[in-house]
Amino acid sequence: MYGALTVLAGRVEEPTSRSGTPDVRLLPAYDDYLVGYRTRDVSVPALHQARMWPGGGVIRPTVIADGLAIATWTRGSGARCVQVDAFGSIPPRIEPGIDLEKASVVRFLRSTA
């Protein structure tokens, strides 16, 4: 479950979860979380929506922290690495979650290769 995300007067506050540890996920392209809503203003800051949906029906793989999109990601060469393209600076408390998710994706890719 995603932590609380507060939206007041168009301002999105930094994600936090009840446990204090951010819930970080690397979502695949076309994940339901990214396509299942008429508006994505709560989950994806308007400033970065074009990076997530560049056109032509493409929806890029996305890094989510407590329900808020903070980056896109791609596979590096082969099944050896995952590259994250952050929308801005990533708070240090979110970086360990990204590292865990990246390691999980790489482990999965290696097991299917």
PDB file of N, CA and C in Angstrom:
ATOM      1  N   MET A   1       0.841  -1.177   0.000  1.00  0.00           N
ATOM      2  CA  MET A   1       0.000   0.000   0.000  1.00  0.00           C
ATOM      3  C   MET A   1       0.885   1.239   0.000  1.00  0.00           C
ATOM      4  N   TYR A   2       0.476   2.230  -0.736  1.00  0.00           N
ATOM      5  CA  TYR A   2       1.243   3.459  -0.809  1.00  0.00           C
ATOM      6  C   TYR A   2       0.982   4.311   0.420  1.00  0.00           C
ATOM      7  N   GLY A   3       2.003   5.030   0.843  1.00  0.00           N
ATOM      8  CA  GLY A   3       1.863   5.935   1.979  1.00  0.00           C
ATOM      9  C   GLY A   3       0.997   7.112   1.613  1.00  0.00           C
ATOM     10  N   ALA A   4       0.739   7.945   2.593  1.00  0.00           N
ATOM     11  CA  ALA A   4      -0.101   9.112   2.359  1.00  0.00           C
ATOM     12  C   ALA A   4       0.619  10.105   1.459  1.00  0.00           C
ATOM     13  N   LEU A   5      -0.084  10.658   0.512  1.00  0.00           N
ATOM     14  CA  LEU A   5       0.450  11.686  -0.367  1.00  0.00           C
ATOM     15  C   LEU A   5      -0.457  12.896  -0.212  1.00  0.00           C
ATOM     16  N   THR A   6       0.096  13.998   0.243  1.00  0.00           N
ATOM     17  CA  THR A   6      -0.701  15.177   0.514  1.00  0.00           C
ATOM     18  C   THR A   6      -0.613  16.151  -0.649  1.00  0.00           C
ATOM     19  N   VAL A   7      -1.736  16.527  -1.186  1.00  0.00           N
ATOM     20  CA  VAL A   7      -1.794  17.492  -2.266  1.00  0.00           C
ATOM     21  C   VAL A   7      -2.664  18.658  -1.804  1.00  0.00           C
ATOM     22  N   LEU A   8      -2.055  19.805  -1.653  1.00  0.00           N
ATOM     23  CA  LEU A   8      -2.777  20.995  -1.234  1.00  0.00           C
ATOM     24  C   LEU A   8      -2.474  22.139  -2.185  1.00  0.00           C
ATOM     25  N   ALA A   9      -3.489  22.733  -2.721  1.00  0.00           N
ATOM     26  CA  ALA A   9      -3.355  23.887  -3.605  1.00  0.00           C
ATOM     27  C   ALA A   9      -2.322  23.638  -4.697  1.00  0.00           C
ATOM     28  N   GLY A  10      -2.338  22.424  -5.280  1.00  0.00           N
ATOM     29  CA  GLY A  10      -1.440  22.117  -6.379  1.00  0.00           C
ATOM     30  C   GLY A  10      -0.018  21.812  -5.967  1.00  0.00           C
ATOM     31  N   ARG A  11       0.274  21.759  -4.682  1.00  0.00           N
ATOM     32  CA  ARG A  11       1.641  21.485  -4.220  1.00  0.00           C
ATOM     33  C   ARG A  11       1.718  20.064  -3.680  1.00  0.00           C
ATOM     34  N   VAL A  12       2.657  19.302  -4.184  1.00  0.00           N
ATOM     35  CA  VAL A  12       2.843  17.938  -3.726  1.00  0.00           C
ATOM     36  C   VAL A  12       3.994  17.925  -2.737  1.00  0.00           C
ATOM     37  N   GLU A  13       3.732  17.395  -1.536  1.00  0.00           N
ATOM     38  CA  GLU A  13       4.774  17.314  -0.533  1.00  0.00           C
ATOM     39  C   GLU A  13       5.615  16.068  -0.748  1.00  0.00           C
ATOM     40  N   GLU A  14       6.819  16.061  -0.196  1.00  0.00           N
ATOM     41  CA  GLU A  14       7.716  14.920  -0.321  1.00  0.00           C
ATOM     42  C   GLU A  14       7.046  13.665   0.238  1.00  0.00           C
ATOM     43  N   PRO A  15       7.194  12.529  -0.476  1.00  0.00           N
ATOM     44  CA  PRO A  15       6.552  11.300  -0.022  1.00  0.00           C
ATOM     45  C   PRO A  15       7.043  10.845   1.349  1.00  0.00           C
ATOM     46  N   THR A  16       6.132  10.328   2.154  1.00  0.00           N
ATOM     47  CA  THR A  16       6.476   9.697   3.423  1.00  0.00           C
ATOM     48  C   THR A  16       5.535   8.532   3.627  1.00  0.00           C
ATOM     49  N   SER A  17       5.977   7.528   4.322  1.00  0.00           N
ATOM     50  CA  SER A  17       5.099   6.408   4.623  1.00  0.00           C
ATOM     51  C   SER A  17       4.915   6.309   6.121  1.00  0.00           C
ATOM     52  N   ARG A  18       3.972   5.497   6.534  1.00  0.00           N
ATOM     53  CA  ARG A  18       3.690   5.360   7.960  1.00  0.00           C
ATOM     54  C   ARG A  18       4.882   4.796   8.724  1.00  0.00           C
ATOM     55  N   SER A  19       5.641   3.895   8.099  1.00  0.00           N
ATOM     56  CA  SER A  19       6.777   3.279   8.776  1.00  0.00           C
ATOM     57  C   SER A  19       7.999   4.184   8.790  1.00  0.00           C
ATOM     58  N   GLY A  20       7.973   5.272   8.035  1.00  0.00           N
ATOM     59  CA  GLY A  20       9.130   6.149   7.937  1.00  0.00           C
ATOM     60  C   GLY A  20      10.072   5.731   6.814  1.00  0.00           C
ATOM     61  N   THR A  21       9.909   4.508   6.327  1.00  0.00           N
ATOM     62  CA  THR A  21      10.707   4.025   5.208  1.00  0.00           C
ATOM     63  C   THR A  21       9.881   4.183   3.936  1.00  0.00           C
ATOM     64  N   PRO A  22      10.395   4.906   2.955  1.00  0.00           N
ATOM     65  CA  PRO A  22       9.619   5.104   1.729  1.00  0.00           C
ATOM     66  C   PRO A  22       9.342   3.785   1.010  1.00  0.00           C
ATOM     67  N   ASP A  23       8.166   3.669   0.440  1.00  0.00           N
ATOM     68  CA  ASP A  23       7.791   2.514  -0.375  1.00  0.00           C
ATOM     69  C   ASP A  23       8.225   2.836  -1.793  1.00  0.00           C
ATOM     70  N   VAL A  24       9.305   2.220  -2.249  1.00  0.00           N
ATOM     71  CA  VAL A  24       9.871   2.501  -3.566  1.00  0.00           C
ATOM     72  C   VAL A  24       9.634   1.307  -4.470  1.00  0.00           C
ATOM     73  N   ARG A  25       9.181   1.572  -5.681  1.00  0.00           N
ATOM     74  CA  ARG A  25       8.917   0.518  -6.663  1.00  0.00           C
ATOM     75  C   ARG A  25       9.404   0.954  -8.035  1.00  0.00           C
ATOM     76  N   LEU A  26       9.972   0.008  -8.770  1.00  0.00           N
ATOM     77  CA  LEU A  26      10.269   0.216 -10.177  1.00  0.00           C
ATOM     78  C   LEU A  26       9.126  -0.431 -10.945  1.00  0.00           C
ATOM     79  N   LEU A  27       8.266   0.385 -11.514  1.00  0.00           N
ATOM     80  CA  LEU A  27       7.115  -0.118 -12.259  1.00  0.00           C
ATOM     81  C   LEU A  27       7.509  -0.333 -13.711  1.00  0.00           C
ATOM     82  N   PRO A  28       6.982  -1.380 -14.334  1.00  0.00           N
ATOM     83  CA  PRO A  28       7.274  -1.605 -15.750  1.00  0.00           C
ATOM     84  C   PRO A  28       6.512  -0.611 -16.621  1.00  0.00           C
ATOM     85  N   ALA A  29       6.914  -0.556 -17.873  1.00  0.00           N
ATOM     86  CA  ALA A  29       6.173   0.263 -18.838  1.00  0.00           C
ATOM     87  C   ALA A  29       4.735  -0.225 -18.880  1.00  0.00           C
ATOM     88  N   TYR A  30       3.805   0.684 -19.057  1.00  0.00           N
ATOM     89  CA  TYR A  30       2.384   0.384 -19.183  1.00  0.00           C
ATOM     90  C   TYR A  30       1.766  -0.236 -17.926  1.00  0.00           C
ATOM     91  N   ASP A  31       2.371  -0.011 -16.764  1.00  0.00           N
ATOM     92  CA  ASP A  31       1.795  -0.533 -15.529  1.00  0.00           C
ATOM     93  C   ASP A  31       0.424   0.102 -15.291  1.00  0.00           C
ATOM     94  N   ASP A  32      -0.493  -0.678 -14.716  1.00  0.00           N
ATOM     95  CA  ASP A  32      -1.853  -0.189 -14.461  1.00  0.00           C
ATOM     96  C   ASP A  32      -1.868   1.090 -13.629  1.00  0.00           C
ATOM     97  N   TYR A  33      -0.928   1.235 -12.729  1.00  0.00           N
ATOM     98  CA  TYR A  33      -0.878   2.448 -11.898  1.00  0.00           C
ATOM     99  C   TYR A  33      -0.698   3.697 -12.756  1.00  0.00           C
ATOM    100  N   LEU A  34      -0.053   3.540 -13.903  1.00  0.00           N
ATOM    101  CA  LEU A  34       0.214   4.684 -14.778  1.00  0.00           C
ATOM    102  C   LEU A  34      -0.842   4.880 -15.858  1.00  0.00           C
ATOM    103  N   VAL A  35      -1.616   3.847 -16.152  1.00  0.00           N
ATOM    104  CA  VAL A  35      -2.611   3.972 -17.219  1.00  0.00           C
ATOM    105  C   VAL A  35      -4.046   3.931 -16.727  1.00  0.00           C
ATOM    106  N   GLY A  36      -4.265   3.569 -15.473  1.00  0.00           N
ATOM    107  CA  GLY A  36      -5.607   3.304 -14.988  1.00  0.00           C
ATOM    108  C   GLY A  36      -6.402   4.490 -14.490  1.00  0.00           C
ATOM    109  N   TYR A  37      -5.926   5.707 -14.727  1.00  0.00           N
ATOM    110  CA  TYR A  37      -6.630   6.885 -14.214  1.00  0.00           C
ATOM    111  C   TYR A  37      -6.796   7.915 -15.322  1.00  0.00           C
ATOM    112  N   ARG A  38      -7.895   8.635 -15.275  1.00  0.00           N
ATOM    113  CA  ARG A  38      -8.139   9.656 -16.284  1.00  0.00           C
ATOM    114  C   ARG A  38      -7.113  10.778 -16.158  1.00  0.00           C
ATOM    115  N   THR A  39      -6.818  11.188 -14.934  1.00  0.00           N
ATOM    116  CA  THR A  39      -5.804  12.204 -14.707  1.00  0.00           C
ATOM    117  C   THR A  39      -4.717  11.605 -13.823  1.00  0.00           C
ATOM    118  N   ARG A  40      -3.510  12.006 -14.057  1.00  0.00           N
ATOM    119  CA  ARG A  40      -2.379  11.462 -13.296  1.00  0.00           C
ATOM    120  C   ARG A  40      -1.720  12.524 -12.438  1.00  0.00           C
ATOM    121  N   ASP A  41      -2.403  13.605 -12.189  1.00  0.00           N
ATOM    122  CA  ASP A  41      -1.829  14.737 -11.468  1.00  0.00           C
ATOM    123  C   ASP A  41      -1.364  14.391 -10.063  1.00  0.00           C
ATOM    124  N   VAL A  42      -1.981  13.430  -9.413  1.00  0.00           N
ATOM    125  CA  VAL A  42      -1.592  13.068  -8.058  1.00  0.00           C
ATOM    126  C   VAL A  42      -0.358  12.160  -8.059  1.00  0.00           C
ATOM    127  N   SER A  43      -0.235  11.301  -9.078  1.00  0.00           N
ATOM    128  CA  SER A  43       0.871  10.344  -9.097  1.00  0.00           C
ATOM    129  C   SER A  43       2.087  10.814  -9.891  1.00  0.00           C
ATOM    130  N   VAL A  44       1.892  11.713 -10.841  1.00  0.00           N
ATOM    131  CA  VAL A  44       2.997  12.190 -11.667  1.00  0.00           C
ATOM    132  C   VAL A  44       2.940  13.716 -11.735  1.00  0.00           C
ATOM    133  N   PRO A  45       3.981  14.400 -11.229  1.00  0.00           N
ATOM    134  CA  PRO A  45       3.976  15.861 -11.307  1.00  0.00           C
ATOM    135  C   PRO A  45       3.816  16.323 -12.757  1.00  0.00           C
ATOM    136  N   ALA A  46       2.977  17.312 -12.976  1.00  0.00           N
ATOM    137  CA  ALA A  46       2.687  17.796 -14.329  1.00  0.00           C
ATOM    138  C   ALA A  46       3.956  18.159 -15.098  1.00  0.00           C
ATOM    139  N   LEU A  47       4.931  18.699 -14.411  1.00  0.00           N
ATOM    140  CA  LEU A  47       6.188  19.096 -15.040  1.00  0.00           C
ATOM    141  C   LEU A  47       6.904  17.911 -15.696  1.00  0.00           C
ATOM    142  N   HIS A  48       6.678  16.692 -15.214  1.00  0.00           N
ATOM    143  CA  HIS A  48       7.408  15.524 -15.693  1.00  0.00           C
ATOM    144  C   HIS A  48       6.557  14.550 -16.498  1.00  0.00           C
ATOM    145  N   GLN A  49       5.318  14.874 -16.746  1.00  0.00           N
ATOM    146  CA  GLN A  49       4.446  13.944 -17.464  1.00  0.00           C
ATOM    147  C   GLN A  49       4.937  13.646 -18.874  1.00  0.00           C
ATOM    148  N   ALA A  50       5.534  14.614 -19.548  1.00  0.00           N
ATOM    149  CA  ALA A  50       6.032  14.381 -20.911  1.00  0.00           C
ATOM    150  C   ALA A  50       7.200  13.404 -20.920  1.00  0.00           C
ATOM    151  N   ARG A  51       7.930  13.306 -19.832  1.00  0.00           N
ATOM    152  CA  ARG A  51       9.027  12.338 -19.755  1.00  0.00           C
ATOM    153  C   ARG A  51       8.483  10.919 -19.572  1.00  0.00           C
ATOM    154  N   MET A  52       7.324  10.812 -18.960  1.00  0.00           N
ATOM    155  CA  MET A  52       6.711   9.506 -18.746  1.00  0.00           C
ATOM    156  C   MET A  52       5.920   9.065 -19.972  1.00  0.00           C
ATOM    157  N   TRP A  53       5.254  10.004 -20.598  1.00  0.00           N
ATOM    158  CA  TRP A  53       4.445   9.741 -21.783  1.00  0.00           C
ATOM    159  C   TRP A  53       4.979  10.602 -22.921  1.00  0.00           C
ATOM    160  N   PRO A  54       6.062  10.158 -23.610  1.00  0.00           N
ATOM    161  CA  PRO A  54       6.689  10.999 -24.632  1.00  0.00           C
ATOM    162  C   PRO A  54       5.892  11.095 -25.922  1.00  0.00           C
ATOM    163  N   GLY A  55       4.828  10.323 -26.046  1.00  0.00           N
ATOM    164  CA  GLY A  55       4.000  10.369 -27.249  1.00  0.00           C
ATOM    165  C   GLY A  55       4.001   9.031 -27.963  1.00  0.00           C
ATOM    166  N   GLY A  56       3.145   8.922 -28.945  1.00  0.00           N
ATOM    167  CA  GLY A  56       3.062   7.700 -29.725  1.00  0.00           C
ATOM    168  C   GLY A  56       2.568   6.498 -28.943  1.00  0.00           C
ATOM    169  N   GLY A  57       1.865   6.736 -27.830  1.00  0.00           N
ATOM    170  CA  GLY A  57       1.343   5.654 -27.026  1.00  0.00           C
ATOM    171  C   GLY A  57       2.356   5.017 -26.081  1.00  0.00           C
ATOM    172  N   VAL A  58       3.555   5.592 -26.001  1.00  0.00           N
ATOM    173  CA  VAL A  58       4.613   5.047 -25.148  1.00  0.00           C
ATOM    174  C   VAL A  58       4.420   5.488 -23.702  1.00  0.00           C
ATOM    175  N   ILE A  59       4.549   4.550 -22.785  1.00  0.00           N
ATOM    176  CA  ILE A  59       4.567   4.849 -21.352  1.00  0.00           C
ATOM    177  C   ILE A  59       5.832   4.210 -20.806  1.00  0.00           C
ATOM    178  N   ARG A  60       6.727   5.022 -20.313  1.00  0.00           N
ATOM    179  CA  ARG A  60       8.025   4.526 -19.876  1.00  0.00           C
ATOM    180  C   ARG A  60       7.966   3.846 -18.509  1.00  0.00           C
ATOM    181  N   PRO A  61       8.904   2.918 -18.266  1.00  0.00           N
ATOM    182  CA  PRO A  61       9.039   2.342 -16.926  1.00  0.00           C
ATOM    183  C   PRO A  61       9.352   3.460 -15.930  1.00  0.00           C
ATOM    184  N   THR A  62       8.799   3.359 -14.732  1.00  0.00           N
ATOM    185  CA  THR A  62       8.815   4.480 -13.800  1.00  0.00           C
ATOM    186  C   THR A  62       9.252   4.060 -12.401  1.00  0.00           C
ATOM    187  N   VAL A  63       9.956   4.976 -11.732  1.00  0.00           N
ATOM    188  CA  VAL A  63      10.307   4.789 -10.330  1.00  0.00           C
ATOM    189  C   VAL A  63       9.279   5.564  -9.507  1.00  0.00           C
ATOM    190  N   ILE A  64       8.634   4.867  -8.581  1.00  0.00           N
ATOM    191  CA  ILE A  64       7.601   5.446  -7.729  1.00  0.00           C
ATOM    192  C   ILE A  64       8.086   5.410  -6.280  1.00  0.00           C
ATOM    193  N   ALA A  65       7.941   6.512  -5.568  1.00  0.00           N
ATOM    194  CA  ALA A  65       8.240   6.545  -4.127  1.00  0.00           C
ATOM    195  C   ALA A  65       6.976   6.999  -3.414  1.00  0.00           C
ATOM    196  N   ASP A  66       6.409   6.113  -2.611  1.00  0.00           N
ATOM    197  CA  ASP A  66       5.160   6.393  -1.893  1.00  0.00           C
ATOM    198  C   ASP A  66       4.071   6.924  -2.815  1.00  0.00           C
ATOM    199  N   GLY A  67       3.978   6.317  -3.997  1.00  0.00           N
ATOM    200  CA  GLY A  67       2.908   6.655  -4.927  1.00  0.00           C
ATOM    201  C   GLY A  67       3.197   7.809  -5.854  1.00  0.00           C
ATOM    202  N   LEU A  68       4.335   8.473  -5.718  1.00  0.00           N
ATOM    203  CA  LEU A  68       4.671   9.629  -6.542  1.00  0.00           C
ATOM    204  C   LEU A  68       5.815   9.274  -7.492  1.00  0.00           C
ATOM    205  N   ALA A  69       5.635   9.532  -8.786  1.00  0.00           N
ATOM    206  CA  ALA A  69       6.686   9.260  -9.769  1.00  0.00           C
ATOM    207  C   ALA A  69       7.848  10.220  -9.536  1.00  0.00           C
ATOM    208  N   ILE A  70       9.061   9.649  -9.430  1.00  0.00           N
ATOM    209  CA  ILE A  70      10.250  10.475  -9.202  1.00  0.00           C
ATOM    210  C   ILE A  70      11.309  10.287 -10.276  1.00  0.00           C
ATOM    211  N   ALA A  71      11.124   9.297 -11.170  1.00  0.00           N
ATOM    212  CA  ALA A  71      12.128   9.012 -12.189  1.00  0.00           C
ATOM    213  C   ALA A  71      11.573   8.012 -13.192  1.00  0.00           C
ATOM    214  N   THR A  72      12.292   7.859 -14.293  1.00  0.00           N
ATOM    215  CA  THR A  72      12.051   6.753 -15.210  1.00  0.00           C
ATOM    216  C   THR A  72      13.263   5.837 -15.121  1.00  0.00           C
ATOM    217  N   TRP A  73      13.125   4.618 -15.636  1.00  0.00           N
ATOM    218  CA  TRP A  73      14.263   3.704 -15.614  1.00  0.00           C
ATOM    219  C   TRP A  73      14.306   2.900 -16.897  1.00  0.00           C
ATOM    220  N   THR A  74      15.504   2.418 -17.215  1.00  0.00           N
ATOM    221  CA  THR A  74      15.712   1.567 -18.377  1.00  0.00           C
ATOM    222  C   THR A  74      16.706   0.477 -18.018  1.00  0.00           C
ATOM    223  N   ARG A  75      16.663  -0.586 -18.782  1.00  0.00           N
ATOM    224  CA  ARG A  75      17.665  -1.644 -18.644  1.00  0.00           C
ATOM    225  C   ARG A  75      18.930  -1.198 -19.328  1.00  0.00           C
ATOM    226  N   GLY A  76      20.059  -1.483 -18.692  1.00  0.00           N
ATOM    227  CA  GLY A  76      21.343  -1.254 -19.346  1.00  0.00           C
ATOM    228  C   GLY A  76      21.581  -2.388 -20.327  1.00  0.00           C
ATOM    229  N   SER A  77      22.787  -2.520 -20.796  1.00  0.00           N
ATOM    230  CA  SER A  77      23.092  -3.572 -21.756  1.00  0.00           C
ATOM    231  C   SER A  77      22.901  -4.946 -21.120  1.00  0.00           C
ATOM    232  N   GLY A  78      22.248  -5.825 -21.839  1.00  0.00           N
ATOM    233  CA  GLY A  78      21.995  -7.170 -21.328  1.00  0.00           C
ATOM    234  C   GLY A  78      21.127  -7.141 -20.087  1.00  0.00           C
ATOM    235  N   ALA A  79      21.416  -8.029 -19.153  1.00  0.00           N
ATOM    236  CA  ALA A  79      20.636  -8.109 -17.917  1.00  0.00           C
ATOM    237  C   ALA A  79      21.513  -7.737 -16.727  1.00  0.00           C
ATOM    238  N   ARG A  80      22.470  -6.847 -16.935  1.00  0.00           N
ATOM    239  CA  ARG A  80      23.459  -6.557 -15.906  1.00  0.00           C
ATOM    240  C   ARG A  80      23.183  -5.306 -15.081  1.00  0.00           C
ATOM    241  N   CYS A  81      22.402  -4.382 -15.598  1.00  0.00           N
ATOM    242  CA  CYS A  81      22.197  -3.158 -14.818  1.00  0.00           C
ATOM    243  C   CYS A  81      20.874  -2.484 -15.181  1.00  0.00           C
ATOM    244  N   VAL A  82      20.456  -1.619 -14.281  1.00  0.00           N
ATOM    245  CA  VAL A  82      19.268  -0.785 -14.468  1.00  0.00           C
ATOM    246  C   VAL A  82      19.718   0.658 -14.276  1.00  0.00           C
ATOM    247  N   GLN A  83      19.344   1.520 -15.211  1.00  0.00           N
ATOM    248  CA  GLN A  83      19.710   2.932 -15.128  1.00  0.00           C
ATOM    249  C   GLN A  83      18.476   3.749 -14.778  1.00  0.00           C
ATOM    250  N   VAL A  84      18.633   4.653 -13.811  1.00  0.00           N
ATOM    251  CA  VAL A  84      17.536   5.507 -13.343  1.00  0.00           C
ATOM    252  C   VAL A  84      17.793   6.931 -13.802  1.00  0.00           C
ATOM    253  N   ASP A  85      16.778   7.553 -14.401  1.00  0.00           N
ATOM    254  CA  ASP A  85      16.849   8.949 -14.844  1.00  0.00           C
ATOM    255  C   ASP A  85      15.894   9.752 -13.968  1.00  0.00           C
ATOM    256  N   ALA A  86      16.428  10.333 -12.907  1.00  0.00           N
ATOM    257  CA  ALA A  86      15.616  11.044 -11.916  1.00  0.00           C
ATOM    258  C   ALA A  86      15.101  12.373 -12.457  1.00  0.00           C
ATOM    259  N   PHE A  87      13.928  12.767 -11.991  1.00  0.00           N
ATOM    260  CA  PHE A  87      13.333  14.044 -12.373  1.00  0.00           C
ATOM    261  C   PHE A  87      14.016  15.204 -11.669  1.00  0.00           C
ATOM    262  N   GLY A  88      14.697  14.934 -10.591  1.00  0.00           N
ATOM    263  CA  GLY A  88      15.411  15.936  -9.791  1.00  0.00           C
ATOM    264  C   GLY A  88      16.313  15.192  -8.831  1.00  0.00           C
ATOM    265  N   SER A  89      16.790  15.889  -7.823  1.00  0.00           N
ATOM    266  CA  SER A  89      17.643  15.192  -6.856  1.00  0.00           C
ATOM    267  C   SER A  89      16.785  14.233  -6.029  1.00  0.00           C
ATOM    268  N   ILE A  90      17.320  13.058  -5.797  1.00  0.00           N
ATOM    269  CA  ILE A  90      16.609  12.032  -5.033  1.00  0.00           C
ATOM    270  C   ILE A  90      17.043  12.138  -3.575  1.00  0.00           C
ATOM    271  N   PRO A  91      16.088  12.276  -2.661  1.00  0.00           N
ATOM    272  CA  PRO A  91      16.450  12.347  -1.238  1.00  0.00           C
ATOM    273  C   PRO A  91      17.218  11.096  -0.813  1.00  0.00           C
ATOM    274  N   PRO A  92      18.233  11.257   0.029  1.00  0.00           N
ATOM    275  CA  PRO A  92      19.048  10.115   0.457  1.00  0.00           C
ATOM    276  C   PRO A  92      18.246   8.969   1.069  1.00  0.00           C
ATOM    277  N   ARG A  93      17.139   9.265   1.721  1.00  0.00           N
ATOM    278  CA  ARG A  93      16.363   8.194   2.351  1.00  0.00           C
ATOM    279  C   ARG A  93      15.613   7.334   1.337  1.00  0.00           C
ATOM    280  N   ILE A  94      15.520   7.789   0.087  1.00  0.00           N
ATOM    281  CA  ILE A  94      14.855   7.023  -0.966  1.00  0.00           C
ATOM    282  C   ILE A  94      15.856   6.169  -1.745  1.00  0.00           C
ATOM    283  N   GLU A  95      17.114   6.561  -1.772  1.00  0.00           N
ATOM    284  CA  GLU A  95      18.138   5.852  -2.551  1.00  0.00           C
ATOM    285  C   GLU A  95      18.262   4.363  -2.197  1.00  0.00           C
ATOM    286  N   PRO A  96      18.240   3.962  -0.904  1.00  0.00           N
ATOM    287  CA  PRO A  96      18.331   2.529  -0.613  1.00  0.00           C
ATOM    288  C   PRO A  96      17.181   1.715  -1.220  1.00  0.00           C
ATOM    289  N   GLY A  97      15.993   2.283  -1.243  1.00  0.00           N
ATOM    290  CA  GLY A  97      14.853   1.594  -1.848  1.00  0.00           C
ATOM    291  C   GLY A  97      15.037   1.413  -3.342  1.00  0.00           C
ATOM    292  N   ILE A  98      15.592   2.419  -3.995  1.00  0.00           N
ATOM    293  CA  ILE A  98      15.868   2.319  -5.434  1.00  0.00           C
ATOM    294  C   ILE A  98      16.913   1.233  -5.673  1.00  0.00           C
ATOM    295  N   ASP A  99      17.960   1.224  -4.857  1.00  0.00           N
ATOM    296  CA  ASP A  99      19.013   0.215  -5.010  1.00  0.00           C
ATOM    297  C   ASP A  99      18.457  -1.203  -4.841  1.00  0.00           C
ATOM    298  N   LEU A 100      17.578  -1.397  -3.854  1.00  0.00           N
ATOM    299  CA  LEU A 100      16.963  -2.722  -3.648  1.00  0.00           C
ATOM    300  C   LEU A 100      16.113  -3.136  -4.849  1.00  0.00           C
ATOM    301  N   GLU A 101      15.336  -2.210  -5.356  1.00  0.00           N
ATOM    302  CA  GLU A 101      14.493  -2.507  -6.514  1.00  0.00           C
ATOM    303  C   GLU A 101      15.340  -2.813  -7.751  1.00  0.00           C
ATOM    304  N   LYS A 102      16.394  -2.029  -7.966  1.00  0.00           N
ATOM    305  CA  LYS A 102      17.283  -2.281  -9.102  1.00  0.00           C
ATOM    306  C   LYS A 102      17.893  -3.674  -9.004  1.00  0.00           C
ATOM    307  N   ALA A 103      18.361  -4.038  -7.822  1.00  0.00           N
ATOM    308  CA  ALA A 103      18.954  -5.363  -7.624  1.00  0.00           C
ATOM    309  C   ALA A 103      17.936  -6.468  -7.895  1.00  0.00           C
ATOM    310  N   SER A 104      16.693  -6.262  -7.494  1.00  0.00           N
ATOM    311  CA  SER A 104      15.643  -7.259  -7.742  1.00  0.00           C
ATOM    312  C   SER A 104      15.371  -7.426  -9.231  1.00  0.00           C
ATOM    313  N   VAL A 105      15.330  -6.322  -9.963  1.00  0.00           N
ATOM    314  CA  VAL A 105      15.081  -6.387 -11.404  1.00  0.00           C
ATOM    315  C   VAL A 105      16.238  -7.108 -12.094  1.00  0.00           C
ATOM    316  N   VAL A 106      17.472  -6.766 -11.732  1.00  0.00           N
ATOM    317  CA  VAL A 106      18.635  -7.413 -12.340  1.00  0.00           C
ATOM    318  C   VAL A 106      18.640  -8.912 -12.021  1.00  0.00           C
ATOM    319  N   ARG A 107      18.343  -9.259 -10.784  1.00  0.00           N
ATOM    320  CA  ARG A 107      18.290 -10.676 -10.390  1.00  0.00           C
ATOM    321  C   ARG A 107      17.233 -11.420 -11.227  1.00  0.00           C
ATOM    322  N   PHE A 108      16.077 -10.792 -11.422  1.00  0.00           N
ATOM    323  CA  PHE A 108      15.041 -11.413 -12.230  1.00  0.00           C
ATOM    324  C   PHE A 108      15.501 -11.569 -13.688  1.00  0.00           C
ATOM    325  N   LEU A 109      16.077 -10.535 -14.253  1.00  0.00           N
ATOM    326  CA  LEU A 109      16.525 -10.591 -15.644  1.00  0.00           C
ATOM    327  C   LEU A 109      17.585 -11.665 -15.837  1.00  0.00           C
ATOM    328  N   ARG A 110      18.478 -11.804 -14.891  1.00  0.00           N
ATOM    329  CA  ARG A 110      19.519 -12.836 -14.988  1.00  0.00           C
ATOM    330  C   ARG A 110      18.921 -14.239 -14.902  1.00  0.00           C
ATOM    331  N   SER A 111      17.860 -14.392 -14.109  1.00  0.00           N
ATOM    332  CA  SER A 111      17.255 -15.717 -13.966  1.00  0.00           C
ATOM    333  C   SER A 111      16.495 -16.142 -15.217  1.00  0.00           C
ATOM    334  N   THR A 112      16.110 -15.182 -16.050  1.00  0.00           N
ATOM    335  CA  THR A 112      15.347 -15.508 -17.259  1.00  0.00           C
ATOM    336  C   THR A 112      16.226 -15.541 -18.496  1.00  0.00           C
ATOM    337  N   ALA A 113      17.501 -15.176 -18.341  1.00  0.00           N
ATOM    338  CA  ALA A 113      18.400 -15.113 -19.513  1.00  0.00           C
ATOM    339  C   ALA A 113      18.919 -16.478 -19.893  1.00  0.00           C
TER     340      ALA A 113
END
